[in-house]
PDB file of all heavy atoms in Angstrom:
ATOM      1  N   LEU A   1       0.819  -1.209   0.000  1.00  0.00           N
ATOM      2  CA  LEU A   1       0.000   0.000   0.000  1.00  0.00           C
ATOM      3  C   LEU A   1       0.851   1.256   0.000  1.00  0.00           C
ATOM      4  O   LEU A   1       0.480   2.270  -0.598  1.00  0.00           O
ATOM      5  CB  LEU A   1      -0.917   0.027   1.231  1.00  0.00           C
ATOM      6  CG  LEU A   1      -2.225  -0.740   1.163  1.00  0.00           C
ATOM      7  CD1 LEU A   1      -2.869  -0.771   2.543  1.00  0.00           C
ATOM      8  CD2 LEU A   1      -3.170  -0.128   0.145  1.00  0.00           C
ATOM      9  N   GLY A   2       1.975   1.204   0.677  1.00  0.00           N
ATOM     10  CA  GLY A   2       2.813   2.387   0.796  1.00  0.00           C
ATOM     11  C   GLY A   2       2.090   3.480   1.560  1.00  0.00           C
ATOM     12  O   GLY A   2       1.521   3.242   2.626  1.00  0.00           O
ATOM     13  N   ASP A   3       2.073   4.694   0.994  1.00  0.00           N
ATOM     14  CA  ASP A   3       1.423   5.828   1.644  1.00  0.00           C
ATOM     15  C   ASP A   3      -0.047   5.972   1.258  1.00  0.00           C
ATOM     16  O   ASP A   3      -0.699   6.940   1.653  1.00  0.00           O
ATOM     17  CB  ASP A   3       2.151   7.137   1.287  1.00  0.00           C
ATOM     18  CG  ASP A   3       3.525   7.216   1.938  1.00  0.00           C
ATOM     19  OD1 ASP A   3       3.696   6.607   3.015  1.00  0.00           O
ATOM     20  OD2 ASP A   3       4.409   7.876   1.373  1.00  0.00           O
ATOM     21  N   ARG A   4      -0.570   5.032   0.481  1.00  0.00           N
ATOM     22  CA  ARG A   4      -1.945   5.156   0.020  1.00  0.00           C
ATOM     23  C   ARG A   4      -2.944   4.734   1.095  1.00  0.00           C
ATOM     24  O   ARG A   4      -2.711   3.765   1.811  1.00  0.00           O
ATOM     25  CB  ARG A   4      -2.186   4.272  -1.207  1.00  0.00           C
ATOM     26  CG  ARG A   4      -1.470   4.717  -2.459  1.00  0.00           C
ATOM     27  CD  ARG A   4      -1.773   3.761  -3.594  1.00  0.00           C
ATOM     28  NE  ARG A   4      -1.236   2.430  -3.337  1.00  0.00           N
ATOM     29  CZ  ARG A   4      -1.554   1.343  -4.040  1.00  0.00           C
ATOM     30  NH1 ARG A   4      -2.439   1.428  -5.026  1.00  0.00           N
ATOM     31  NH2 ARG A   4      -0.999   0.176  -3.751  1.00  0.00           N
ATOM     32  N   PRO A   5      -4.078   5.425   1.184  1.00  0.00           N
ATOM     33  CA  PRO A   5      -5.160   4.950   2.037  1.00  0.00           C
ATOM     34  C   PRO A   5      -5.985   3.900   1.299  1.00  0.00           C
ATOM     35  O   PRO A   5      -5.883   3.740   0.079  1.00  0.00           O
ATOM     36  CB  PRO A   5      -5.987   6.213   2.284  1.00  0.00           C
ATOM     37  CG  PRO A   5      -5.797   7.019   1.038  1.00  0.00           C
ATOM     38  CD  PRO A   5      -4.374   6.739   0.576  1.00  0.00           C
ATOM     39  N   ILE A   6      -6.805   3.190   2.046  1.00  0.00           N
ATOM     40  CA  ILE A   6      -7.831   2.311   1.494  1.00  0.00           C
ATOM     41  C   ILE A   6      -9.157   3.059   1.618  1.00  0.00           C
ATOM     42  O   ILE A   6      -9.490   3.554   2.696  1.00  0.00           O
ATOM     43  CB  ILE A   6      -7.907   0.988   2.268  1.00  0.00           C
ATOM     44  CG1 ILE A   6      -6.577   0.246   2.180  1.00  0.00           C
ATOM     45  CG2 ILE A   6      -9.044   0.110   1.745  1.00  0.00           C
ATOM     46  CD1 ILE A   6      -6.441  -0.867   3.203  1.00  0.00           C
ATOM     47  N   VAL A   7      -9.899   3.144   0.530  1.00  0.00           N
ATOM     48  CA  VAL A   7     -11.172   3.860   0.531  1.00  0.00           C
ATOM     49  C   VAL A   7     -12.302   2.863   0.315  1.00  0.00           C
ATOM     50  O   VAL A   7     -12.267   2.066  -0.626  1.00  0.00           O
ATOM     51  CB  VAL A   7     -11.194   4.945  -0.564  1.00  0.00           C
ATOM     52  CG1 VAL A   7     -12.594   5.526  -0.711  1.00  0.00           C
ATOM     53  CG2 VAL A   7     -10.194   6.046  -0.242  1.00  0.00           C
ATOM     54  N   ILE A   8     -13.294   2.897   1.209  1.00  0.00           N
ATOM     55  CA  ILE A   8     -14.447   2.005   1.124  1.00  0.00           C
ATOM     56  C   ILE A   8     -15.629   2.795   0.565  1.00  0.00           C
ATOM     57  O   ILE A   8     -16.006   3.839   1.113  1.00  0.00           O
ATOM     58  CB  ILE A   8     -14.834   1.440   2.507  1.00  0.00           C
ATOM     59  CG1 ILE A   8     -13.610   0.874   3.234  1.00  0.00           C
ATOM     60  CG2 ILE A   8     -15.926   0.386   2.357  1.00  0.00           C
ATOM     61  CD1 ILE A   8     -13.007  -0.333   2.602  1.00  0.00           C
ATOM     62  N   VAL A   9     -16.210   2.304  -0.538  1.00  0.00           N
ATOM     63  CA  VAL A   9     -17.360   2.968  -1.145  1.00  0.00           C
ATOM     64  C   VAL A   9     -18.533   1.995  -1.206  1.00  0.00           C
ATOM     65  O   VAL A   9     -18.362   0.780  -1.080  1.00  0.00           O
ATOM     66  CB  VAL A   9     -17.033   3.504  -2.557  1.00  0.00           C
ATOM     67  CG1 VAL A   9     -15.831   4.437  -2.519  1.00  0.00           C
ATOM     68  CG2 VAL A   9     -16.779   2.366  -3.543  1.00  0.00           C
ATOM     69  N   GLY A  10     -19.719   2.537  -1.405  1.00  0.00           N
ATOM     70  CA  GLY A  10     -20.909   1.706  -1.506  1.00  0.00           C
ATOM     71  C   GLY A  10     -22.135   2.456  -1.022  1.00  0.00           C
ATOM     72  O   GLY A  10     -22.055   3.575  -0.505  1.00  0.00           O
ATOM     73  N   MET A  11     -23.283   1.834  -1.184  1.00  0.00           N
ATOM     74  CA  MET A  11     -24.557   2.436  -0.801  1.00  0.00           C
ATOM     75  C   MET A  11     -24.679   2.594   0.710  1.00  0.00           C
ATOM     76  O   MET A  11     -24.013   1.898   1.479  1.00  0.00           O
ATOM     77  CB  MET A  11     -25.707   1.561  -1.296  1.00  0.00           C
ATOM     78  CG  MET A  11     -25.951   1.614  -2.795  1.00  0.00           C
ATOM     79  SD  MET A  11     -26.558   3.228  -3.350  1.00  0.00           S
ATOM     80  CE  MET A  11     -28.113   3.327  -2.453  1.00  0.00           C
ATOM     81  N   MET A  12     -25.561   3.508   1.118  1.00  0.00           N
ATOM     82  CA  MET A  12     -25.926   3.577   2.531  1.00  0.00           C
ATOM     83  C   MET A  12     -26.459   2.212   2.955  1.00  0.00           C
ATOM     84  O   MET A  12     -27.229   1.574   2.228  1.00  0.00           O
ATOM     85  CB  MET A  12     -26.994   4.658   2.742  1.00  0.00           C
ATOM     86  CG  MET A  12     -28.310   4.403   2.042  1.00  0.00           C
ATOM     87  SD  MET A  12     -29.524   5.728   2.249  1.00  0.00           S
ATOM     88  CE  MET A  12     -29.146   6.729   0.826  1.00  0.00           C
ATOM     89  N   GLY A  13     -25.987   1.726   4.087  1.00  0.00           N
ATOM     90  CA  GLY A  13     -26.404   0.410   4.552  1.00  0.00           C
ATOM     91  C   GLY A  13     -25.514  -0.719   4.093  1.00  0.00           C
ATOM     92  O   GLY A  13     -25.737  -1.877   4.480  1.00  0.00           O
ATOM     93  N   ALA A  14     -24.487  -0.432   3.300  1.00  0.00           N
ATOM     94  CA  ALA A  14     -23.602  -1.492   2.818  1.00  0.00           C
ATOM     95  C   ALA A  14     -22.643  -1.991   3.897  1.00  0.00           C
ATOM     96  O   ALA A  14     -22.032  -3.051   3.741  1.00  0.00           O
ATOM     97  CB  ALA A  14     -22.810  -1.017   1.600  1.00  0.00           C
ATOM     98  N   GLY A  15     -22.504  -1.228   4.977  1.00  0.00           N
ATOM     99  CA  GLY A  15     -21.600  -1.639   6.055  1.00  0.00           C
ATOM    100  C   GLY A  15     -20.235  -1.007   5.965  1.00  0.00           C
ATOM    101  O   GLY A  15     -19.268  -1.532   6.530  1.00  0.00           O
ATOM    102  N   LYS A  16     -20.119   0.129   5.286  1.00  0.00           N
ATOM    103  CA  LYS A  16     -18.809   0.735   5.051  1.00  0.00           C
ATOM    104  C   LYS A  16     -18.089   1.085   6.347  1.00  0.00           C
ATOM    105  O   LYS A  16     -16.887   0.852   6.471  1.00  0.00           O
ATOM    106  CB  LYS A  16     -18.959   1.987   4.183  1.00  0.00           C
ATOM    107  CG  LYS A  16     -19.556   1.720   2.796  1.00  0.00           C
ATOM    108  CD  LYS A  16     -19.606   2.967   1.947  1.00  0.00           C
ATOM    109  CE  LYS A  16     -20.466   4.067   2.522  1.00  0.00           C
ATOM    110  NZ  LYS A  16     -21.913   3.701   2.532  1.00  0.00           N
ATOM    111  N   SER A  17     -18.819   1.660   7.307  1.00  0.00           N
ATOM    112  CA  SER A  17     -18.171   2.061   8.557  1.00  0.00           C
ATOM    113  C   SER A  17     -17.803   0.861   9.420  1.00  0.00           C
ATOM    114  O   SER A  17     -16.687   0.769   9.935  1.00  0.00           O
ATOM    115  CB  SER A  17     -19.068   3.020   9.345  1.00  0.00           C
ATOM    116  OG  SER A  17     -19.208   4.238   8.653  1.00  0.00           O
ATOM    117  N   SER A  18     -18.739  -0.079   9.578  1.00  0.00           N
ATOM    118  CA  SER A  18     -18.468  -1.230  10.446  1.00  0.00           C
ATOM    119  C   SER A  18     -17.363  -2.112   9.861  1.00  0.00           C
ATOM    120  O   SER A  18     -16.467  -2.564  10.583  1.00  0.00           O
ATOM    121  CB  SER A  18     -19.748  -2.040  10.681  1.00  0.00           C
ATOM    122  OG  SER A  18     -20.329  -2.431   9.454  1.00  0.00           O
ATOM    123  N   ILE A  19     -17.405  -2.344   8.553  1.00  0.00           N
ATOM    124  CA  ILE A  19     -16.364  -3.163   7.928  1.00  0.00           C
ATOM    125  C   ILE A  19     -15.060  -2.380   7.840  1.00  0.00           C
ATOM    126  O   ILE A  19     -13.974  -2.919   8.098  1.00  0.00           O
ATOM    127  CB  ILE A  19     -16.810  -3.631   6.527  1.00  0.00           C
ATOM    128  CG1 ILE A  19     -18.060  -4.512   6.637  1.00  0.00           C
ATOM    129  CG2 ILE A  19     -15.669  -4.378   5.826  1.00  0.00           C
ATOM    130  CD1 ILE A  19     -17.911  -5.723   7.525  1.00  0.00           C
ATOM    131  N   GLY A  20     -15.158  -1.105   7.491  1.00  0.00           N
ATOM    132  CA  GLY A  20     -13.946  -0.289   7.394  1.00  0.00           C
ATOM    133  C   GLY A  20     -13.196  -0.216   8.706  1.00  0.00           C
ATOM    134  O   GLY A  20     -11.960  -0.298   8.741  1.00  0.00           O
ATOM    135  N   ARG A  21     -13.946  -0.072   9.793  1.00  0.00           N
ATOM    136  CA  ARG A  21     -13.296   0.007  11.112  1.00  0.00           C
ATOM    137  C   ARG A  21     -12.569  -1.295  11.439  1.00  0.00           C
ATOM    138  O   ARG A  21     -11.433  -1.288  11.927  1.00  0.00           O
ATOM    139  CB  ARG A  21     -14.354   0.313  12.173  1.00  0.00           C
ATOM    140  CG  ARG A  21     -13.789   0.562  13.554  1.00  0.00           C
ATOM    141  CD  ARG A  21     -14.862   1.034  14.511  1.00  0.00           C
ATOM    142  NE  ARG A  21     -15.272   2.412  14.217  1.00  0.00           N
ATOM    143  CZ  ARG A  21     -16.415   2.756  13.635  1.00  0.00           C
ATOM    144  NH1 ARG A  21     -17.285   1.825  13.259  1.00  0.00           N
ATOM    145  NH2 ARG A  21     -16.701   4.020  13.424  1.00  0.00           N
ATOM    146  N   ARG A  22     -13.193  -2.418  11.130  1.00  0.00           N
ATOM    147  CA  ARG A  22     -12.570  -3.716  11.425  1.00  0.00           C
ATOM    148  C   ARG A  22     -11.417  -4.019  10.471  1.00  0.00           C
ATOM    149  O   ARG A  22     -10.429  -4.642  10.864  1.00  0.00           O
ATOM    150  CB  ARG A  22     -13.638  -4.814  11.366  1.00  0.00           C
ATOM    151  CG  ARG A  22     -14.603  -4.764  12.538  1.00  0.00           C
ATOM    152  CD  ARG A  22     -15.832  -5.616  12.303  1.00  0.00           C
ATOM    153  NE  ARG A  22     -16.667  -5.694  13.498  1.00  0.00           N
ATOM    154  CZ  ARG A  22     -17.527  -4.754  13.865  1.00  0.00           C
ATOM    155  NH1 ARG A  22     -17.657  -3.655  13.131  1.00  0.00           N
ATOM    156  NH2 ARG A  22     -18.242  -4.894  14.966  1.00  0.00           N
ATOM    157  N   LEU A  23     -11.532  -3.578   9.229  1.00  0.00           N
ATOM    158  CA  LEU A  23     -10.416  -3.743   8.290  1.00  0.00           C
ATOM    159  C   LEU A  23      -9.214  -2.931   8.758  1.00  0.00           C
ATOM    160  O   LEU A  23      -8.066  -3.400   8.689  1.00  0.00           O
ATOM    161  CB  LEU A  23     -10.856  -3.305   6.891  1.00  0.00           C
ATOM    162  CG  LEU A  23      -9.796  -3.408   5.785  1.00  0.00           C
ATOM    163  CD1 LEU A  23      -9.356  -4.856   5.590  1.00  0.00           C
ATOM    164  CD2 LEU A  23     -10.344  -2.843   4.473  1.00  0.00           C
ATOM    165  N   ALA A  24      -9.471  -1.731   9.250  1.00  0.00           N
ATOM    166  CA  ALA A  24      -8.385  -0.904   9.777  1.00  0.00           C
ATOM    167  C   ALA A  24      -7.705  -1.591  10.962  1.00  0.00           C
ATOM    168  O   ALA A  24      -6.473  -1.586  11.077  1.00  0.00           O
ATOM    169  CB  ALA A  24      -8.924   0.460  10.195  1.00  0.00           C
ATOM    170  N   GLN A  25      -8.506  -2.200  11.833  1.00  0.00           N
ATOM    171  CA  GLN A  25      -7.922  -2.913  12.974  1.00  0.00           C
ATOM    172  C   GLN A  25      -7.065  -4.080  12.500  1.00  0.00           C
ATOM    173  O   GLN A  25      -5.979  -4.320  13.036  1.00  0.00           O
ATOM    174  CB  GLN A  25      -9.027  -3.400  13.903  1.00  0.00           C
ATOM    175  CG  GLN A  25      -9.749  -2.286  14.646  1.00  0.00           C
ATOM    176  CD  GLN A  25     -10.933  -2.782  15.446  1.00  0.00           C
ATOM    177  OE1 GLN A  25     -11.409  -3.900  15.259  1.00  0.00           O
ATOM    178  NE2 GLN A  25     -11.430  -1.952  16.358  1.00  0.00           N
ATOM    179  N   ALA A  26      -7.546  -4.806  11.497  1.00  0.00           N
ATOM    180  CA  ALA A  26      -6.784  -5.952  10.992  1.00  0.00           C
ATOM    181  C   ALA A  26      -5.442  -5.517  10.411  1.00  0.00           C
ATOM    182  O   ALA A  26      -4.436  -6.220  10.545  1.00  0.00           O
ATOM    183  CB  ALA A  26      -7.600  -6.697   9.931  1.00  0.00           C
ATOM    184  N   LEU A  27      -5.439  -4.350   9.765  1.00  0.00           N
ATOM    185  CA  LEU A  27      -4.216  -3.845   9.131  1.00  0.00           C
ATOM    186  C   LEU A  27      -3.412  -2.935  10.056  1.00  0.00           C
ATOM    187  O   LEU A  27      -2.356  -2.421   9.660  1.00  0.00           O
ATOM    188  CB  LEU A  27      -4.582  -3.075   7.859  1.00  0.00           C
ATOM    189  CG  LEU A  27      -5.147  -3.923   6.718  1.00  0.00           C
ATOM    190  CD1 LEU A  27      -5.804  -3.031   5.670  1.00  0.00           C
ATOM    191  CD2 LEU A  27      -4.048  -4.780   6.094  1.00  0.00           C
ATOM    192  N   GLU A  28      -3.923  -2.726  11.277  1.00  0.00           N
ATOM    193  CA  GLU A  28      -3.294  -1.841  12.253  1.00  0.00           C
ATOM    194  C   GLU A  28      -3.129  -0.440  11.686  1.00  0.00           C
ATOM    195  O   GLU A  28      -2.067   0.189  11.780  1.00  0.00           O
ATOM    196  CB  GLU A  28      -1.959  -2.431  12.731  1.00  0.00           C
ATOM    197  CG  GLU A  28      -2.124  -3.775  13.412  1.00  0.00           C
ATOM    198  CD  GLU A  28      -0.815  -4.372  13.922  1.00  0.00           C
ATOM    199  OE1 GLU A  28       0.243  -3.776  13.651  1.00  0.00           O
ATOM    200  OE2 GLU A  28      -0.860  -5.406  14.593  1.00  0.00           O
ATOM    201  N   LEU A  29      -4.219   0.060  11.099  1.00  0.00           N
ATOM    202  CA  LEU A  29      -4.280   1.401  10.551  1.00  0.00           C
ATOM    203  C   LEU A  29      -5.371   2.192  11.260  1.00  0.00           C
ATOM    204  O   LEU A  29      -6.232   1.630  11.930  1.00  0.00           O
ATOM    205  CB  LEU A  29      -4.582   1.363   9.048  1.00  0.00           C
ATOM    206  CG  LEU A  29      -3.543   0.722   8.136  1.00  0.00           C
ATOM    207  CD1 LEU A  29      -4.076   0.636   6.708  1.00  0.00           C
ATOM    208  CD2 LEU A  29      -2.236   1.505   8.163  1.00  0.00           C
ATOM    209  N   THR A  30      -5.355   3.511  11.097  1.00  0.00           N
ATOM    210  CA  THR A  30      -6.404   4.379  11.615  1.00  0.00           C
ATOM    211  C   THR A  30      -7.625   4.306  10.692  1.00  0.00           C
ATOM    212  O   THR A  30      -7.485   4.169   9.479  1.00  0.00           O
ATOM    213  CB  THR A  30      -5.892   5.830  11.688  1.00  0.00           C
ATOM    214  OG1 THR A  30      -4.797   5.893  12.594  1.00  0.00           O
ATOM    215  CG2 THR A  30      -6.985   6.780  12.155  1.00  0.00           C
ATOM    216  N   PHE A  31      -8.807   4.387  11.278  1.00  0.00           N
ATOM    217  CA  PHE A  31     -10.050   4.434  10.496  1.00  0.00           C
ATOM    218  C   PHE A  31     -10.659   5.818  10.575  1.00  0.00           C
ATOM    219  O   PHE A  31     -10.690   6.443  11.634  1.00  0.00           O
ATOM    220  CB  PHE A  31     -11.065   3.420  11.036  1.00  0.00           C
ATOM    221  CG  PHE A  31     -12.430   3.568  10.419  1.00  0.00           C
ATOM    222  CD1 PHE A  31     -12.670   3.127   9.134  1.00  0.00           C
ATOM    223  CD2 PHE A  31     -13.460   4.201  11.113  1.00  0.00           C
ATOM    224  CE1 PHE A  31     -13.915   3.277   8.546  1.00  0.00           C
ATOM    225  CE2 PHE A  31     -14.707   4.363  10.539  1.00  0.00           C
ATOM    226  CZ  PHE A  31     -14.941   3.898   9.242  1.00  0.00           C
ATOM    227  N   VAL A  32     -11.162   6.304   9.430  1.00  0.00           N
ATOM    228  CA  VAL A  32     -11.819   7.605   9.364  1.00  0.00           C
ATOM    229  C   VAL A  32     -13.112   7.466   8.574  1.00  0.00           C
ATOM    230  O   VAL A  32     -13.117   6.884   7.485  1.00  0.00           O
ATOM    231  CB  VAL A  32     -10.922   8.665   8.680  1.00  0.00           C
ATOM    232  CG1 VAL A  32     -11.619  10.017   8.668  1.00  0.00           C
ATOM    233  CG2 VAL A  32      -9.575   8.768   9.367  1.00  0.00           C
ATOM    234  N   ASP A  33     -14.191   8.003   9.114  1.00  0.00           N
ATOM    235  CA  ASP A  33     -15.471   8.067   8.415  1.00  0.00           C
ATOM    236  C   ASP A  33     -15.614   9.484   7.862  1.00  0.00           C
ATOM    237  O   ASP A  33     -15.632  10.451   8.630  1.00  0.00           O
ATOM    238  CB  ASP A  33     -16.607   7.743   9.387  1.00  0.00           C
ATOM    239  CG  ASP A  33     -17.961   7.643   8.707  1.00  0.00           C
ATOM    240  OD1 ASP A  33     -18.263   8.517   7.866  1.00  0.00           O
ATOM    241  OD2 ASP A  33     -18.709   6.705   9.009  1.00  0.00           O
ATOM    242  N   SER A  34     -15.718   9.626   6.542  1.00  0.00           N
ATOM    243  CA  SER A  34     -15.763  10.964   5.948  1.00  0.00           C
ATOM    244  C   SER A  34     -16.984  11.751   6.412  1.00  0.00           C
ATOM    245  O   SER A  34     -16.908  12.971   6.566  1.00  0.00           O
ATOM    246  CB  SER A  34     -15.720  10.886   4.421  1.00  0.00           C
ATOM    247  OG  SER A  34     -16.904  10.315   3.895  1.00  0.00           O
ATOM    248  N   ASP A  35     -18.095  11.070   6.648  1.00  0.00           N
ATOM    249  CA  ASP A  35     -19.288  11.773   7.120  1.00  0.00           C
ATOM    250  C   ASP A  35     -19.036  12.419   8.482  1.00  0.00           C
ATOM    251  O   ASP A  35     -19.471  13.552   8.739  1.00  0.00           O
ATOM    252  CB  ASP A  35     -20.480  10.822   7.213  1.00  0.00           C
ATOM    253  CG  ASP A  35     -21.115  10.543   5.862  1.00  0.00           C
ATOM    254  OD1 ASP A  35     -20.738  11.211   4.864  1.00  0.00           O
ATOM    255  OD2 ASP A  35     -21.988   9.656   5.790  1.00  0.00           O
ATOM    256  N   ASP A  36     -18.332  11.715   9.355  1.00  0.00           N
ATOM    257  CA  ASP A  36     -18.001  12.285  10.666  1.00  0.00           C
ATOM    258  C   ASP A  36     -17.107  13.506  10.521  1.00  0.00           C
ATOM    259  O   ASP A  36     -17.263  14.504  11.238  1.00  0.00           O
ATOM    260  CB  ASP A  36     -17.307  11.236  11.542  1.00  0.00           C
ATOM    261  CG  ASP A  36     -18.245  10.145  12.012  1.00  0.00           C
ATOM    262  OD1 ASP A  36     -19.469  10.337  11.912  1.00  0.00           O
ATOM    263  OD2 ASP A  36     -17.750   9.100  12.474  1.00  0.00           O
ATOM    264  N   GLU A  37     -16.165  13.430   9.587  1.00  0.00           N
ATOM    265  CA  GLU A  37     -15.252  14.562   9.369  1.00  0.00           C
ATOM    266  C   GLU A  37     -15.995  15.762   8.793  1.00  0.00           C
ATOM    267  O   GLU A  37     -15.678  16.914   9.111  1.00  0.00           O
ATOM    268  CB  GLU A  37     -14.121  14.138   8.440  1.00  0.00           C
ATOM    269  CG  GLU A  37     -13.210  13.066   9.012  1.00  0.00           C
ATOM    270  CD  GLU A  37     -12.528  13.507  10.296  1.00  0.00           C
ATOM    271  OE1 GLU A  37     -11.887  14.586  10.290  1.00  0.00           O
ATOM    272  OE2 GLU A  37     -12.646  12.794  11.317  1.00  0.00           O
ATOM    273  N   ILE A  38     -16.984  15.512   7.939  1.00  0.00           N
ATOM    274  CA  ILE A  38     -17.799  16.606   7.393  1.00  0.00           C
ATOM    275  C   ILE A  38     -18.583  17.285   8.514  1.00  0.00           C
ATOM    276  O   ILE A  38     -18.673  18.522   8.583  1.00  0.00           O
ATOM    277  CB  ILE A  38     -18.757  16.060   6.319  1.00  0.00           C
ATOM    278  CG1 ILE A  38     -17.966  15.588   5.091  1.00  0.00           C
ATOM    279  CG2 ILE A  38     -19.783  17.119   5.907  1.00  0.00           C
ATOM    280  CD1 ILE A  38     -18.771  14.704   4.158  1.00  0.00           C
ATOM    281  N   GLU A  39     -19.149  16.483   9.415  1.00  0.00           N
ATOM    282  CA  GLU A  39     -19.909  17.050  10.524  1.00  0.00           C
ATOM    283  C   GLU A  39     -19.012  17.885  11.431  1.00  0.00           C
ATOM    284  O   GLU A  39     -19.409  18.957  11.906  1.00  0.00           O
ATOM    285  CB  GLU A  39     -20.584  15.935  11.315  1.00  0.00           C
ATOM    286  CG  GLU A  39     -21.714  15.252  10.548  1.00  0.00           C
ATOM    287  CD  GLU A  39     -22.451  14.218  11.364  1.00  0.00           C
ATOM    288  OE1 GLU A  39     -21.860  13.691  12.328  1.00  0.00           O
ATOM    289  OE2 GLU A  39     -23.625  13.946  11.041  1.00  0.00           O
ATOM    290  N   LYS A  40     -17.784  17.408  11.660  1.00  0.00           N
ATOM    291  CA  LYS A  40     -16.842  18.189  12.475  1.00  0.00           C
ATOM    292  C   LYS A  40     -16.524  19.522  11.813  1.00  0.00           C
ATOM    293  O   LYS A  40     -16.484  20.572  12.457  1.00  0.00           O
ATOM    294  CB  LYS A  40     -15.551  17.400  12.686  1.00  0.00           C
ATOM    295  CG  LYS A  40     -15.661  16.215  13.610  1.00  0.00           C
ATOM    296  CD  LYS A  40     -14.308  15.524  13.701  1.00  0.00           C
ATOM    297  CE  LYS A  40     -14.391  14.231  14.485  1.00  0.00           C
ATOM    298  NZ  LYS A  40     -13.077  13.517  14.498  1.00  0.00           N
ATOM    299  N   ALA A  41     -16.258  19.492  10.505  1.00  0.00           N
ATOM    300  CA  ALA A  41     -15.887  20.713   9.780  1.00  0.00           C
ATOM    301  C   ALA A  41     -17.026  21.728   9.775  1.00  0.00           C
ATOM    302  O   ALA A  41     -16.800  22.938   9.871  1.00  0.00           O
ATOM    303  CB  ALA A  41     -15.473  20.362   8.348  1.00  0.00           C
ATOM    304  N   ALA A  42     -18.265  21.234   9.657  1.00  0.00           N
ATOM    305  CA  ALA A  42     -19.419  22.133   9.583  1.00  0.00           C
ATOM    306  C   ALA A  42     -20.006  22.463  10.945  1.00  0.00           C
ATOM    307  O   ALA A  42     -20.814  23.397  11.065  1.00  0.00           O
ATOM    308  CB  ALA A  42     -20.504  21.498   8.709  1.00  0.00           C
ATOM    309  N   ASN A  43     -19.623  21.700  11.954  1.00  0.00           N
ATOM    310  CA  ASN A  43     -20.223  21.822  13.286  1.00  0.00           C
ATOM    311  C   ASN A  43     -21.739  21.647  13.225  1.00  0.00           C
ATOM    312  O   ASN A  43     -22.488  22.291  13.960  1.00  0.00           O
ATOM    313  CB  ASN A  43     -19.866  23.168  13.929  1.00  0.00           C
ATOM    314  CG  ASN A  43     -20.066  23.158  15.439  1.00  0.00           C
ATOM    315  OD1 ASN A  43     -19.941  22.114  16.086  1.00  0.00           O
ATOM    316  ND2 ASN A  43     -20.364  24.310  16.007  1.00  0.00           N
ATOM    317  N   LEU A  44     -22.165  20.770  12.312  1.00  0.00           N
ATOM    318  CA  LEU A  44     -23.570  20.430  12.138  1.00  0.00           C
ATOM    319  C   LEU A  44     -23.661  18.953  11.799  1.00  0.00           C
ATOM    320  O   LEU A  44     -22.718  18.384  11.252  1.00  0.00           O
ATOM    321  CB  LEU A  44     -24.195  21.229  10.984  1.00  0.00           C
ATOM    322  CG  LEU A  44     -24.323  22.743  11.115  1.00  0.00           C
ATOM    323  CD1 LEU A  44     -24.689  23.347   9.760  1.00  0.00           C
ATOM    324  CD2 LEU A  44     -25.368  23.114  12.169  1.00  0.00           C
ATOM    325  N   THR A  45     -24.794  18.326  12.099  1.00  0.00           N
ATOM    326  CA  THR A  45     -25.009  16.960  11.638  1.00  0.00           C
ATOM    327  C   THR A  45     -25.331  16.991  10.145  1.00  0.00           C
ATOM    328  O   THR A  45     -25.729  18.036   9.599  1.00  0.00           O
ATOM    329  CB  THR A  45     -26.168  16.282  12.384  1.00  0.00           C
ATOM    330  OG1 THR A  45     -27.390  16.938  12.033  1.00  0.00           O
ATOM    331  CG2 THR A  45     -25.954  16.339  13.897  1.00  0.00           C
TER     332      THR A  45
END
């Protein structure tokens, strides 16, 4: 992978966050949910 991130895409309900978080744990990487980051940036849900 080098410096590249892994990006999980798919429909709402596909399990992107739950699977992404566990994939990150398996690879010993940090997990980030873009929706959470958008909410932080906007200070709104």
